[in-house]
């Protein structure tokens, strides 16, 4: 996917620290414990970017030297929604930066034969319609599961949604953008393509298996 083909709602977070850590994660020799730590560190940097335009207000405080009008976040706290199971790797790092955020979970797995999403669990805050929602999933491959998760959140009333992924494939970006052009996508890198099994190439393998050592 050339830069000219990238949708306007895609943000590539190509900070040198992000790219360095991503390279270490791609290496098949990186052990699970290190992989998890790197994902947590990258998620902090991604969270910084996705939260850049949060609404602000001011409040009167007293410093040790003077009274002042100081900037502070406005409105209700964020909701971070993890697409299980691999999304929890990004979730943990984002909560380090935004510990007061509410948390939701959507359990969706990809049928290995059809590559279509199958939902098995969903729990989100009841007032999600009044909050900004950040959906986290390390891999945006076919886009089927992510698009389905976003639609479920919209069905619950969510209106202000952003998607954060570690790696993306052009096919997944096009799919999500076609289904949800109102959702801004943040990713560290856009790789070449998907293979016949729906995995991102060159990618880093299955993020869940790499995180938990299940393969």
N, C-alpha and C. Protein backbone atom coordinates (compact mmCIF):
# COMPACT_ATOMS: atom_id res chain seq x y z
N UNK A 1 0.86 -1.19 0.00
CA UNK A 1 0.00 0.00 0.00
C UNK A 1 0.89 1.23 0.00
N UNK A 2 0.80 2.05 -1.05
CA UNK A 2 1.59 3.27 -1.13
C UNK A 2 0.97 4.33 -0.24
N UNK A 3 1.76 5.37 0.05
CA UNK A 3 1.25 6.45 0.89
C UNK A 3 0.02 7.10 0.28
N UNK A 4 -0.02 7.14 -1.06
CA UNK A 4 -1.17 7.75 -1.74
C UNK A 4 -2.44 6.94 -1.51
N UNK A 5 -2.29 5.64 -1.23
CA UNK A 5 -3.45 4.78 -1.02
C UNK A 5 -3.91 4.72 0.42
N UNK A 6 -3.14 5.30 1.33
CA UNK A 6 -3.49 5.25 2.74
C UNK A 6 -4.70 6.13 3.02
N UNK A 7 -5.67 5.64 3.79
CA UNK A 7 -6.84 6.47 4.10
C UNK A 7 -6.46 7.62 5.01
N UNK A 8 -7.24 8.69 4.96
CA UNK A 8 -6.95 9.89 5.73
C UNK A 8 -7.06 9.64 7.23
N UNK A 9 -7.83 8.62 7.61
CA UNK A 9 -8.03 8.37 9.04
C UNK A 9 -7.00 7.41 9.64
N UNK A 10 -5.92 7.13 8.88
CA UNK A 10 -4.86 6.25 9.37
C UNK A 10 -3.69 7.08 9.90
N UNK A 11 -3.25 6.77 11.12
CA UNK A 11 -2.09 7.42 11.72
C UNK A 11 -1.01 6.36 11.97
N UNK A 12 0.15 6.52 11.33
CA UNK A 12 1.26 5.59 11.53
C UNK A 12 2.20 6.20 12.56
N UNK A 13 2.33 5.54 13.70
CA UNK A 13 3.17 6.04 14.79
C UNK A 13 4.57 5.46 14.60
N UNK A 14 5.36 6.13 13.76
CA UNK A 14 6.67 5.60 13.40
C UNK A 14 7.79 6.25 14.21
N UNK A 15 7.57 6.40 15.51
CA UNK A 15 8.60 6.94 16.40
C UNK A 15 9.78 5.96 16.44
N UNK A 16 11.02 6.44 16.47
CA UNK A 16 12.18 5.54 16.50
C UNK A 16 12.12 4.49 17.60
N UNK A 17 11.65 4.84 18.79
CA UNK A 17 11.57 3.86 19.87
C UNK A 17 10.53 2.78 19.56
N UNK A 18 9.42 3.18 18.94
CA UNK A 18 8.41 2.21 18.55
C UNK A 18 8.97 1.23 17.53
N UNK A 19 9.65 1.75 16.51
CA UNK A 19 10.18 0.90 15.44
C UNK A 19 11.26 -0.03 15.96
N UNK A 20 12.11 0.48 16.86
CA UNK A 20 13.16 -0.36 17.45
C UNK A 20 12.55 -1.52 18.23
N UNK A 21 11.58 -1.22 19.07
CA UNK A 21 10.96 -2.28 19.88
C UNK A 21 10.17 -3.24 19.01
N UNK A 22 9.55 -2.73 17.96
CA UNK A 22 8.80 -3.59 17.05
C UNK A 22 9.73 -4.58 16.34
N UNK A 23 10.91 -4.13 15.97
CA UNK A 23 11.89 -5.02 15.34
C UNK A 23 12.25 -6.16 16.28
N UNK A 24 12.46 -5.86 17.55
CA UNK A 24 12.77 -6.91 18.53
C UNK A 24 11.60 -7.88 18.66
N UNK A 25 10.39 -7.38 18.59
CA UNK A 25 9.22 -8.25 18.69
C UNK A 25 9.07 -9.14 17.46
N UNK A 26 9.45 -8.65 16.30
CA UNK A 26 9.34 -9.44 15.07
C UNK A 26 10.27 -10.65 15.10
N UNK A 27 11.41 -10.52 15.74
CA UNK A 27 12.42 -11.58 15.77
C UNK A 27 11.83 -12.84 16.41
N UNK A 28 11.84 -13.93 15.68
CA UNK A 28 11.22 -15.17 16.17
C UNK A 28 11.95 -15.76 17.37
N UNK A 29 13.16 -15.29 17.64
CA UNK A 29 13.93 -15.81 18.77
C UNK A 29 13.63 -15.05 20.07
N UNK A 30 12.86 -13.98 20.00
CA UNK A 30 12.53 -13.21 21.20
C UNK A 30 11.59 -14.03 22.09
N UNK A 31 11.96 -14.29 23.34
CA UNK A 31 11.12 -15.11 24.22
C UNK A 31 9.84 -14.40 24.63
N UNK A 32 8.87 -15.18 25.09
CA UNK A 32 7.55 -14.65 25.42
C UNK A 32 7.60 -13.54 26.45
N UNK A 33 8.43 -13.71 27.48
CA UNK A 33 8.49 -12.70 28.55
C UNK A 33 8.97 -11.36 28.01
N UNK A 34 9.96 -11.40 27.14
CA UNK A 34 10.48 -10.17 26.53
C UNK A 34 9.46 -9.59 25.56
N UNK A 35 8.79 -10.47 24.80
CA UNK A 35 7.76 -10.03 23.86
C UNK A 35 6.66 -9.26 24.59
N UNK A 36 6.20 -9.80 25.72
CA UNK A 36 5.15 -9.13 26.49
C UNK A 36 5.61 -7.77 27.01
N UNK A 37 6.84 -7.71 27.49
CA UNK A 37 7.36 -6.45 28.01
C UNK A 37 7.47 -5.40 26.90
N UNK A 38 7.95 -5.81 25.74
CA UNK A 38 8.07 -4.89 24.61
C UNK A 38 6.70 -4.38 24.17
N UNK A 39 5.72 -5.27 24.14
CA UNK A 39 4.37 -4.85 23.74
C UNK A 39 3.82 -3.84 24.73
N UNK A 40 4.08 -4.07 26.01
CA UNK A 40 3.62 -3.13 27.04
C UNK A 40 4.29 -1.77 26.87
N UNK A 41 5.57 -1.76 26.54
CA UNK A 41 6.30 -0.50 26.36
C UNK A 41 5.80 0.24 25.12
N UNK A 42 5.59 -0.48 24.03
CA UNK A 42 5.08 0.16 22.81
C UNK A 42 3.69 0.73 23.04
N UNK A 43 2.87 0.03 23.82
CA UNK A 43 1.50 0.49 24.04
C UNK A 43 1.47 1.84 24.75
N UNK A 44 2.47 2.10 25.59
CA UNK A 44 2.56 3.42 26.23
C UNK A 44 2.73 4.51 25.18
N UNK A 45 3.59 4.26 24.21
CA UNK A 45 3.85 5.25 23.16
C UNK A 45 2.64 5.41 22.25
N UNK A 46 1.96 4.33 21.95
CA UNK A 46 0.75 4.41 21.13
C UNK A 46 -0.36 5.15 21.87
N UNK A 47 -0.46 4.90 23.18
CA UNK A 47 -1.47 5.58 23.99
C UNK A 47 -1.24 7.09 23.99
N UNK A 48 0.01 7.49 24.05
CA UNK A 48 0.36 8.91 24.02
C UNK A 48 -0.20 9.57 22.76
N UNK A 49 -0.08 8.88 21.62
CA UNK A 49 -0.55 9.45 20.36
C UNK A 49 -2.07 9.46 20.26
N UNK A 50 -2.71 8.37 20.67
CA UNK A 50 -4.16 8.30 20.51
C UNK A 50 -4.88 9.26 21.46
N UNK A 51 -4.20 9.64 22.55
CA UNK A 51 -4.81 10.56 23.52
C UNK A 51 -4.45 12.02 23.27
N UNK A 52 -3.78 12.29 22.18
CA UNK A 52 -3.26 13.64 21.92
C UNK A 52 -4.35 14.70 21.84
N UNK A 53 -5.55 14.33 21.35
CA UNK A 53 -6.60 15.32 21.15
C UNK A 53 -7.72 15.21 22.17
N UNK A 54 -7.44 14.65 23.34
CA UNK A 54 -8.47 14.59 24.37
C UNK A 54 -8.91 16.00 24.77
N UNK A 55 -10.19 16.20 25.01
CA UNK A 55 -10.67 17.54 25.38
C UNK A 55 -10.13 17.96 26.75
N UNK A 56 -9.84 19.25 26.87
CA UNK A 56 -9.25 19.79 28.09
C UNK A 56 -10.12 20.92 28.64
N UNK A 57 -10.00 21.15 29.93
CA UNK A 57 -10.56 22.32 30.58
C UNK A 57 -9.53 22.80 31.59
N UNK A 58 -9.91 23.72 32.46
CA UNK A 58 -8.97 24.18 33.49
C UNK A 58 -9.65 24.15 34.86
N UNK A 59 -8.83 24.10 35.88
CA UNK A 59 -9.35 24.22 37.24
C UNK A 59 -8.35 25.03 38.06
N UNK A 60 -8.89 25.68 39.07
CA UNK A 60 -8.04 26.51 39.92
C UNK A 60 -7.34 25.62 40.95
N UNK A 61 -6.00 25.73 41.01
CA UNK A 61 -5.23 24.99 42.00
C UNK A 61 -4.23 25.95 42.65
N UNK A 62 -3.63 25.50 43.72
CA UNK A 62 -2.56 26.26 44.36
C UNK A 62 -1.27 25.46 44.28
N UNK A 63 -0.27 26.04 43.64
CA UNK A 63 1.06 25.45 43.68
C UNK A 63 1.73 25.91 44.98
N UNK A 64 2.90 25.41 45.30
CA UNK A 64 3.59 25.92 46.50
C UNK A 64 3.87 27.41 46.48
N UNK A 65 3.75 28.04 45.27
CA UNK A 65 4.11 29.45 45.15
C UNK A 65 2.95 30.37 44.79
N UNK A 66 1.91 29.83 44.12
CA UNK A 66 0.85 30.73 43.66
C UNK A 66 -0.39 29.94 43.26
N UNK A 67 -1.50 30.69 43.15
CA UNK A 67 -2.72 30.11 42.60
C UNK A 67 -2.67 30.22 41.09
N UNK A 68 -3.24 29.23 40.39
CA UNK A 68 -3.22 29.28 38.93
C UNK A 68 -4.41 28.51 38.36
N UNK A 69 -4.73 28.83 37.10
CA UNK A 69 -5.69 28.05 36.33
C UNK A 69 -4.90 27.00 35.56
N UNK A 70 -5.06 25.74 35.91
CA UNK A 70 -4.23 24.67 35.34
C UNK A 70 -5.06 23.76 34.44
N UNK A 71 -4.45 23.29 33.34
CA UNK A 71 -5.18 22.40 32.42
C UNK A 71 -5.43 21.03 33.03
N UNK A 72 -6.59 20.47 32.71
CA UNK A 72 -6.96 19.15 33.21
C UNK A 72 -7.92 18.52 32.21
N UNK A 73 -7.94 17.21 32.15
CA UNK A 73 -8.83 16.52 31.22
C UNK A 73 -10.29 16.84 31.51
N UNK A 74 -11.07 16.97 30.45
CA UNK A 74 -12.48 17.33 30.56
C UNK A 74 -13.36 16.13 30.26
N UNK A 75 -14.46 16.03 30.96
CA UNK A 75 -15.45 15.02 30.65
C UNK A 75 -15.18 13.68 31.31
N UNK A 76 -15.96 12.68 30.90
CA UNK A 76 -15.84 11.35 31.49
C UNK A 76 -14.58 10.66 31.01
N UNK A 77 -14.11 9.73 31.83
CA UNK A 77 -12.88 9.00 31.52
C UNK A 77 -13.08 8.11 30.28
N UNK A 78 -11.95 7.76 29.69
CA UNK A 78 -11.94 6.88 28.52
C UNK A 78 -12.42 5.48 28.86
N UNK A 79 -12.78 4.74 27.80
CA UNK A 79 -12.97 3.30 27.90
C UNK A 79 -11.97 2.65 26.95
N UNK A 80 -11.18 1.74 27.47
CA UNK A 80 -10.28 0.95 26.63
C UNK A 80 -10.90 -0.43 26.49
N UNK A 81 -11.16 -0.83 25.26
CA UNK A 81 -11.80 -2.12 25.00
C UNK A 81 -10.78 -3.06 24.35
N UNK A 82 -10.49 -4.14 25.04
CA UNK A 82 -9.53 -5.13 24.55
C UNK A 82 -10.25 -6.22 23.79
N UNK A 83 -9.75 -6.52 22.59
CA UNK A 83 -10.24 -7.68 21.85
C UNK A 83 -9.40 -8.87 22.30
N UNK A 84 -10.05 -9.78 23.01
CA UNK A 84 -9.35 -10.91 23.61
C UNK A 84 -8.81 -11.85 22.53
N UNK A 85 -7.68 -12.50 22.83
CA UNK A 85 -6.94 -12.41 24.07
C UNK A 85 -5.73 -11.48 23.96
N UNK A 86 -5.24 -11.33 22.72
CA UNK A 86 -4.00 -10.60 22.52
C UNK A 86 -4.13 -9.11 22.84
N UNK A 87 -5.34 -8.58 22.78
CA UNK A 87 -5.53 -7.17 23.07
C UNK A 87 -5.11 -6.78 24.47
N UNK A 88 -5.10 -7.76 25.39
CA UNK A 88 -4.72 -7.45 26.77
C UNK A 88 -3.28 -6.99 26.90
N UNK A 89 -2.43 -7.37 25.94
CA UNK A 89 -1.05 -6.90 25.97
C UNK A 89 -0.95 -5.40 25.78
N UNK A 90 -1.76 -4.84 24.89
CA UNK A 90 -1.82 -3.39 24.70
C UNK A 90 -2.57 -2.72 25.84
N UNK A 91 -3.61 -3.38 26.33
CA UNK A 91 -4.42 -2.83 27.40
C UNK A 91 -3.59 -2.52 28.64
N UNK A 92 -2.74 -3.43 29.05
CA UNK A 92 -1.97 -3.27 30.28
C UNK A 92 -1.06 -2.04 30.22
N UNK A 93 -0.40 -1.85 29.09
CA UNK A 93 0.47 -0.69 28.96
C UNK A 93 -0.31 0.61 28.94
N UNK A 94 -1.46 0.62 28.29
CA UNK A 94 -2.27 1.84 28.24
C UNK A 94 -2.81 2.20 29.61
N UNK A 95 -3.13 1.19 30.42
CA UNK A 95 -3.60 1.47 31.77
C UNK A 95 -2.48 2.02 32.65
N UNK A 96 -1.23 1.71 32.33
CA UNK A 96 -0.12 2.33 33.05
C UNK A 96 -0.14 3.84 32.87
N UNK A 97 -0.49 4.30 31.67
CA UNK A 97 -0.52 5.73 31.36
C UNK A 97 -1.85 6.36 31.75
N UNK A 98 -2.94 5.58 31.63
CA UNK A 98 -4.28 6.11 31.91
C UNK A 98 -4.98 5.20 32.91
N UNK A 99 -4.52 5.16 34.15
CA UNK A 99 -5.03 4.18 35.12
C UNK A 99 -6.49 4.35 35.50
N UNK A 100 -7.06 5.53 35.26
CA UNK A 100 -8.46 5.75 35.64
C UNK A 100 -9.44 5.37 34.52
N UNK A 101 -8.92 4.93 33.39
CA UNK A 101 -9.80 4.55 32.28
C UNK A 101 -10.67 3.35 32.66
N UNK A 102 -11.89 3.34 32.16
CA UNK A 102 -12.74 2.16 32.29
C UNK A 102 -12.24 1.10 31.29
N UNK A 103 -12.62 -0.14 31.53
CA UNK A 103 -12.13 -1.23 30.69
C UNK A 103 -13.29 -2.10 30.22
N UNK A 104 -13.26 -2.45 28.94
CA UNK A 104 -14.21 -3.40 28.38
C UNK A 104 -13.47 -4.52 27.68
N UNK A 105 -14.16 -5.64 27.49
CA UNK A 105 -13.57 -6.79 26.79
C UNK A 105 -14.56 -7.33 25.77
N UNK A 106 -14.04 -7.69 24.62
CA UNK A 106 -14.82 -8.40 23.61
C UNK A 106 -14.04 -9.65 23.23
N UNK A 107 -14.68 -10.80 23.40
CA UNK A 107 -14.06 -12.06 23.00
C UNK A 107 -14.50 -12.44 21.61
N UNK A 108 -13.56 -12.38 20.67
CA UNK A 108 -13.84 -12.75 19.28
C UNK A 108 -12.67 -13.58 18.78
N UNK A 109 -12.95 -14.71 18.16
CA UNK A 109 -11.86 -15.45 17.53
C UNK A 109 -12.17 -15.62 16.05
N UNK A 110 -11.11 -15.85 15.29
CA UNK A 110 -11.26 -15.98 13.85
C UNK A 110 -11.36 -17.45 13.48
N UNK A 111 -12.47 -17.82 12.85
CA UNK A 111 -12.62 -19.20 12.39
C UNK A 111 -11.49 -19.51 11.40
N UNK A 112 -10.67 -20.53 11.68
CA UNK A 112 -9.50 -20.79 10.83
C UNK A 112 -9.85 -21.20 9.41
N UNK A 113 -11.07 -21.69 9.20
CA UNK A 113 -11.46 -22.13 7.85
C UNK A 113 -12.07 -21.00 7.04
N UNK A 114 -12.97 -20.24 7.67
CA UNK A 114 -13.66 -19.17 6.94
C UNK A 114 -13.02 -17.80 7.14
N UNK A 115 -12.15 -17.66 8.18
CA UNK A 115 -11.53 -16.39 8.57
C UNK A 115 -12.56 -15.37 9.04
N UNK A 116 -13.78 -15.83 9.33
CA UNK A 116 -14.84 -14.94 9.80
C UNK A 116 -14.86 -14.90 11.33
N UNK A 117 -15.29 -13.76 11.91
CA UNK A 117 -15.26 -13.61 13.37
C UNK A 117 -16.39 -14.38 14.06
N UNK A 118 -16.06 -14.93 15.22
CA UNK A 118 -17.04 -15.62 16.05
C UNK A 118 -16.96 -14.99 17.45
N UNK A 119 -18.05 -14.37 17.91
CA UNK A 119 -18.04 -13.71 19.22
C UNK A 119 -18.45 -14.70 20.30
N UNK A 120 -17.73 -14.66 21.44
CA UNK A 120 -18.08 -15.54 22.55
C UNK A 120 -18.21 -14.80 23.88
N UNK A 121 -17.86 -13.50 23.92
CA UNK A 121 -17.96 -12.76 25.18
C UNK A 121 -17.95 -11.27 24.89
N UNK A 122 -18.72 -10.50 25.70
CA UNK A 122 -18.69 -9.04 25.61
C UNK A 122 -19.13 -8.43 26.93
N UNK A 123 -18.32 -7.52 27.44
CA UNK A 123 -18.65 -6.79 28.67
C UNK A 123 -18.04 -5.41 28.58
N UNK A 124 -18.88 -4.38 28.54
CA UNK A 124 -18.40 -3.00 28.44
C UNK A 124 -19.21 -2.13 29.41
N UNK A 125 -18.69 -0.94 29.77
CA UNK A 125 -19.44 -0.05 30.66
C UNK A 125 -20.80 0.32 30.08
N UNK A 126 -21.80 0.45 30.96
CA UNK A 126 -23.16 0.74 30.50
C UNK A 126 -23.27 2.11 29.84
N UNK A 127 -22.44 3.07 30.30
CA UNK A 127 -22.52 4.43 29.74
C UNK A 127 -21.48 4.66 28.65
N UNK A 128 -21.18 3.62 27.89
CA UNK A 128 -20.13 3.72 26.86
C UNK A 128 -20.46 4.77 25.81
N UNK A 129 -21.73 5.07 25.62
CA UNK A 129 -22.14 6.07 24.63
C UNK A 129 -21.65 7.47 25.00
N UNK A 130 -21.33 7.68 26.28
CA UNK A 130 -20.91 9.00 26.75
C UNK A 130 -19.40 9.13 26.86
N UNK A 131 -18.67 8.12 26.42
CA UNK A 131 -17.22 8.12 26.60
C UNK A 131 -16.49 7.88 25.28
N UNK A 132 -15.25 8.36 25.21
CA UNK A 132 -14.40 7.98 24.09
C UNK A 132 -13.95 6.54 24.29
N UNK A 133 -13.96 5.79 23.21
CA UNK A 133 -13.61 4.37 23.26
C UNK A 133 -12.35 4.13 22.44
N UNK A 134 -11.38 3.46 23.06
CA UNK A 134 -10.17 3.05 22.37
C UNK A 134 -10.18 1.53 22.28
N UNK A 135 -10.28 1.01 21.06
CA UNK A 135 -10.27 -0.44 20.83
C UNK A 135 -8.83 -0.87 20.58
N UNK A 136 -8.38 -1.91 21.28
CA UNK A 136 -6.99 -2.35 21.14
C UNK A 136 -6.91 -3.80 20.71
N UNK A 137 -6.09 -4.04 19.70
CA UNK A 137 -5.82 -5.40 19.20
C UNK A 137 -4.48 -5.32 18.47
N UNK A 138 -3.49 -6.12 18.86
CA UNK A 138 -2.16 -5.98 18.26
C UNK A 138 -2.13 -6.12 16.74
N UNK A 139 -2.96 -7.00 16.18
CA UNK A 139 -2.86 -7.29 14.76
C UNK A 139 -4.14 -6.92 14.01
N UNK A 140 -4.02 -6.08 13.00
CA UNK A 140 -5.13 -5.79 12.10
C UNK A 140 -4.82 -6.52 10.80
N UNK A 141 -5.33 -7.75 10.69
CA UNK A 141 -5.01 -8.61 9.56
C UNK A 141 -6.11 -8.52 8.50
N UNK A 142 -7.08 -9.44 8.54
CA UNK A 142 -8.19 -9.35 7.58
C UNK A 142 -9.12 -8.19 7.91
N UNK A 143 -9.16 -7.83 9.19
CA UNK A 143 -10.07 -6.77 9.63
C UNK A 143 -11.44 -7.28 10.00
N UNK A 144 -11.71 -8.58 9.79
CA UNK A 144 -13.04 -9.12 10.06
C UNK A 144 -13.41 -9.01 11.54
N UNK A 145 -12.52 -9.47 12.42
CA UNK A 145 -12.81 -9.47 13.85
C UNK A 145 -12.90 -8.04 14.39
N UNK A 146 -11.96 -7.20 14.00
CA UNK A 146 -11.95 -5.82 14.49
C UNK A 146 -13.20 -5.08 14.03
N UNK A 147 -13.57 -5.24 12.77
CA UNK A 147 -14.75 -4.56 12.25
C UNK A 147 -16.01 -5.02 12.98
N UNK A 148 -16.08 -6.33 13.25
CA UNK A 148 -17.24 -6.86 13.98
C UNK A 148 -17.29 -6.31 15.39
N UNK A 149 -16.12 -6.20 16.04
CA UNK A 149 -16.07 -5.67 17.41
C UNK A 149 -16.51 -4.21 17.44
N UNK A 150 -16.05 -3.42 16.48
CA UNK A 150 -16.44 -2.02 16.42
C UNK A 150 -17.94 -1.89 16.21
N UNK A 151 -18.50 -2.74 15.36
CA UNK A 151 -19.94 -2.68 15.13
C UNK A 151 -20.72 -3.01 16.39
N UNK A 152 -20.24 -3.99 17.17
CA UNK A 152 -20.91 -4.33 18.43
C UNK A 152 -20.88 -3.16 19.40
N UNK A 153 -19.76 -2.43 19.41
CA UNK A 153 -19.66 -1.26 20.27
C UNK A 153 -20.62 -0.16 19.81
N UNK A 154 -20.74 0.02 18.52
CA UNK A 154 -21.70 0.99 17.99
C UNK A 154 -23.13 0.58 18.34
N UNK A 155 -23.39 -0.72 18.31
CA UNK A 155 -24.72 -1.21 18.69
C UNK A 155 -25.03 -0.86 20.14
N UNK A 156 -23.98 -0.77 20.97
CA UNK A 156 -24.14 -0.42 22.38
C UNK A 156 -24.23 1.09 22.59
N UNK A 157 -24.07 1.85 21.49
CA UNK A 157 -24.20 3.29 21.58
C UNK A 157 -22.92 4.08 21.45
N UNK A 158 -21.77 3.40 21.34
CA UNK A 158 -20.49 4.11 21.23
C UNK A 158 -20.45 4.93 19.94
N UNK A 159 -19.98 6.18 20.08
CA UNK A 159 -19.93 7.08 18.92
C UNK A 159 -18.51 7.58 18.62
N UNK A 160 -17.71 7.75 19.67
CA UNK A 160 -16.35 8.27 19.52
C UNK A 160 -15.38 7.11 19.72
N UNK A 161 -14.98 6.48 18.61
CA UNK A 161 -14.17 5.26 18.66
C UNK A 161 -12.87 5.46 17.91
N UNK A 162 -11.78 5.00 18.52
CA UNK A 162 -10.47 4.96 17.87
C UNK A 162 -9.92 3.54 18.00
N UNK A 163 -9.17 3.11 16.99
CA UNK A 163 -8.61 1.76 16.96
C UNK A 163 -7.10 1.85 17.04
N UNK A 164 -6.50 1.06 17.94
CA UNK A 164 -5.05 1.02 18.09
C UNK A 164 -4.55 -0.39 17.82
N UNK A 165 -3.66 -0.52 16.85
CA UNK A 165 -3.06 -1.81 16.49
C UNK A 165 -1.54 -1.66 16.44
N UNK A 166 -0.86 -2.74 16.74
CA UNK A 166 0.59 -2.74 16.62
C UNK A 166 1.00 -2.84 15.16
N UNK A 167 0.48 -3.85 14.47
CA UNK A 167 0.78 -4.09 13.07
C UNK A 167 -0.50 -4.14 12.26
N UNK A 168 -0.44 -3.68 11.02
CA UNK A 168 -1.61 -3.70 10.14
C UNK A 168 -1.23 -4.21 8.77
N UNK A 169 -2.19 -4.86 8.12
CA UNK A 169 -2.06 -5.26 6.73
C UNK A 169 -2.94 -4.34 5.88
N UNK A 170 -2.56 -4.08 4.64
CA UNK A 170 -3.38 -3.21 3.78
C UNK A 170 -4.82 -3.70 3.67
N UNK A 171 -5.00 -5.03 3.63
CA UNK A 171 -6.35 -5.58 3.50
C UNK A 171 -7.21 -5.23 4.71
N UNK A 172 -6.62 -5.32 5.90
CA UNK A 172 -7.37 -5.01 7.12
C UNK A 172 -7.72 -3.54 7.22
N UNK A 173 -6.78 -2.69 6.84
CA UNK A 173 -7.03 -1.25 6.87
C UNK A 173 -8.18 -0.89 5.94
N UNK A 174 -8.15 -1.45 4.72
CA UNK A 174 -9.22 -1.17 3.76
C UNK A 174 -10.57 -1.66 4.27
N UNK A 175 -10.57 -2.83 4.88
CA UNK A 175 -11.82 -3.40 5.39
C UNK A 175 -12.43 -2.53 6.48
N UNK A 176 -11.63 -2.19 7.48
CA UNK A 176 -12.14 -1.38 8.59
C UNK A 176 -12.55 0.00 8.10
N UNK A 177 -11.75 0.58 7.22
CA UNK A 177 -12.08 1.91 6.71
C UNK A 177 -13.36 1.91 5.89
N UNK A 178 -13.60 0.82 5.16
CA UNK A 178 -14.83 0.73 4.38
C UNK A 178 -16.05 0.58 5.28
N UNK A 179 -15.90 -0.24 6.33
CA UNK A 179 -17.03 -0.46 7.24
C UNK A 179 -17.24 0.68 8.22
N UNK A 180 -16.14 1.31 8.64
CA UNK A 180 -16.21 2.32 9.70
C UNK A 180 -15.30 3.51 9.35
N UNK A 181 -15.66 4.30 8.35
CA UNK A 181 -14.81 5.43 7.97
C UNK A 181 -14.70 6.50 9.04
N UNK A 182 -15.56 6.44 10.05
CA UNK A 182 -15.52 7.41 11.14
C UNK A 182 -14.53 7.03 12.23
N UNK A 183 -13.92 5.86 12.14
CA UNK A 183 -13.00 5.37 13.17
C UNK A 183 -11.56 5.62 12.74
N UNK A 184 -10.83 6.37 13.54
CA UNK A 184 -9.42 6.64 13.26
C UNK A 184 -8.58 5.45 13.68
N UNK A 185 -7.64 5.06 12.83
CA UNK A 185 -6.80 3.88 13.07
C UNK A 185 -5.37 4.34 13.39
N UNK A 186 -4.83 3.85 14.50
CA UNK A 186 -3.44 4.12 14.88
C UNK A 186 -2.66 2.81 14.81
N UNK A 187 -1.53 2.82 14.13
CA UNK A 187 -0.72 1.62 14.00
C UNK A 187 0.76 1.99 13.95
N UNK A 188 1.61 1.06 14.37
CA UNK A 188 3.05 1.30 14.34
C UNK A 188 3.64 1.04 12.96
N UNK A 189 3.02 0.15 12.19
CA UNK A 189 3.56 -0.18 10.87
C UNK A 189 2.48 -0.81 10.01
N UNK A 190 2.61 -0.60 8.70
CA UNK A 190 1.75 -1.26 7.71
C UNK A 190 2.64 -2.20 6.92
N UNK A 191 2.39 -3.51 7.07
CA UNK A 191 3.21 -4.51 6.39
C UNK A 191 2.70 -4.76 4.97
N UNK A 192 3.35 -5.71 4.26
CA UNK A 192 3.12 -5.87 2.83
C UNK A 192 1.75 -6.43 2.48
N UNK A 193 1.37 -7.55 3.15
CA UNK A 193 0.18 -8.27 2.69
C UNK A 193 -0.23 -9.31 3.71
N UNK A 194 -1.31 -10.03 3.38
CA UNK A 194 -1.71 -11.23 4.12
C UNK A 194 -1.32 -12.46 3.29
N UNK A 195 -0.96 -13.55 4.01
CA UNK A 195 -0.74 -14.80 3.29
C UNK A 195 -2.06 -15.56 3.15
N UNK A 196 -2.00 -16.77 2.61
CA UNK A 196 -3.23 -17.53 2.35
C UNK A 196 -3.96 -17.95 3.61
N UNK A 197 -3.28 -17.90 4.77
CA UNK A 197 -3.89 -18.24 6.04
C UNK A 197 -4.37 -17.01 6.81
N UNK A 198 -4.26 -15.85 6.20
CA UNK A 198 -4.73 -14.63 6.84
C UNK A 198 -3.76 -14.04 7.84
N UNK A 199 -2.47 -14.41 7.75
CA UNK A 199 -1.46 -13.85 8.64
C UNK A 199 -0.72 -12.70 7.94
N UNK A 200 -0.34 -11.70 8.73
CA UNK A 200 0.38 -10.55 8.18
C UNK A 200 1.81 -10.94 7.83
N UNK A 201 2.26 -10.52 6.64
CA UNK A 201 3.62 -10.78 6.16
C UNK A 201 4.33 -9.46 5.93
N UNK A 202 5.57 -9.27 6.46
CA UNK A 202 6.37 -10.21 7.24
C UNK A 202 5.85 -10.44 8.66
N UNK A 203 5.17 -9.47 9.24
CA UNK A 203 4.49 -9.65 10.51
C UNK A 203 5.39 -10.07 11.67
N UNK A 204 4.77 -10.78 12.62
CA UNK A 204 5.52 -11.30 13.76
C UNK A 204 4.90 -12.60 14.27
N UNK A 205 4.07 -13.23 13.42
CA UNK A 205 3.40 -14.46 13.83
C UNK A 205 2.10 -14.15 14.55
N UNK A 206 1.60 -15.11 15.31
CA UNK A 206 0.38 -14.94 16.08
C UNK A 206 0.72 -14.23 17.38
N UNK A 207 0.18 -13.02 17.57
CA UNK A 207 0.56 -12.21 18.74
C UNK A 207 0.17 -12.90 20.04
N UNK A 208 -1.00 -13.55 20.07
CA UNK A 208 -1.43 -14.24 21.28
C UNK A 208 -0.49 -15.38 21.64
N UNK A 209 -0.12 -16.18 20.65
CA UNK A 209 0.81 -17.29 20.91
C UNK A 209 2.18 -16.77 21.34
N UNK A 210 2.64 -15.68 20.72
CA UNK A 210 3.93 -15.11 21.09
C UNK A 210 3.90 -14.56 22.52
N UNK A 211 2.78 -13.95 22.89
CA UNK A 211 2.65 -13.38 24.25
C UNK A 211 2.63 -14.45 25.33
N UNK A 212 1.87 -15.50 25.07
CA UNK A 212 1.58 -16.47 26.13
C UNK A 212 2.35 -17.79 25.98
N UNK A 213 3.16 -17.89 24.93
CA UNK A 213 3.96 -19.09 24.76
C UNK A 213 3.14 -20.33 24.48
N UNK A 214 2.04 -20.16 23.76
CA UNK A 214 1.15 -21.28 23.52
C UNK A 214 1.42 -21.99 22.21
N UNK A 215 2.52 -21.65 21.56
CA UNK A 215 2.87 -22.33 20.31
C UNK A 215 4.37 -22.32 20.14
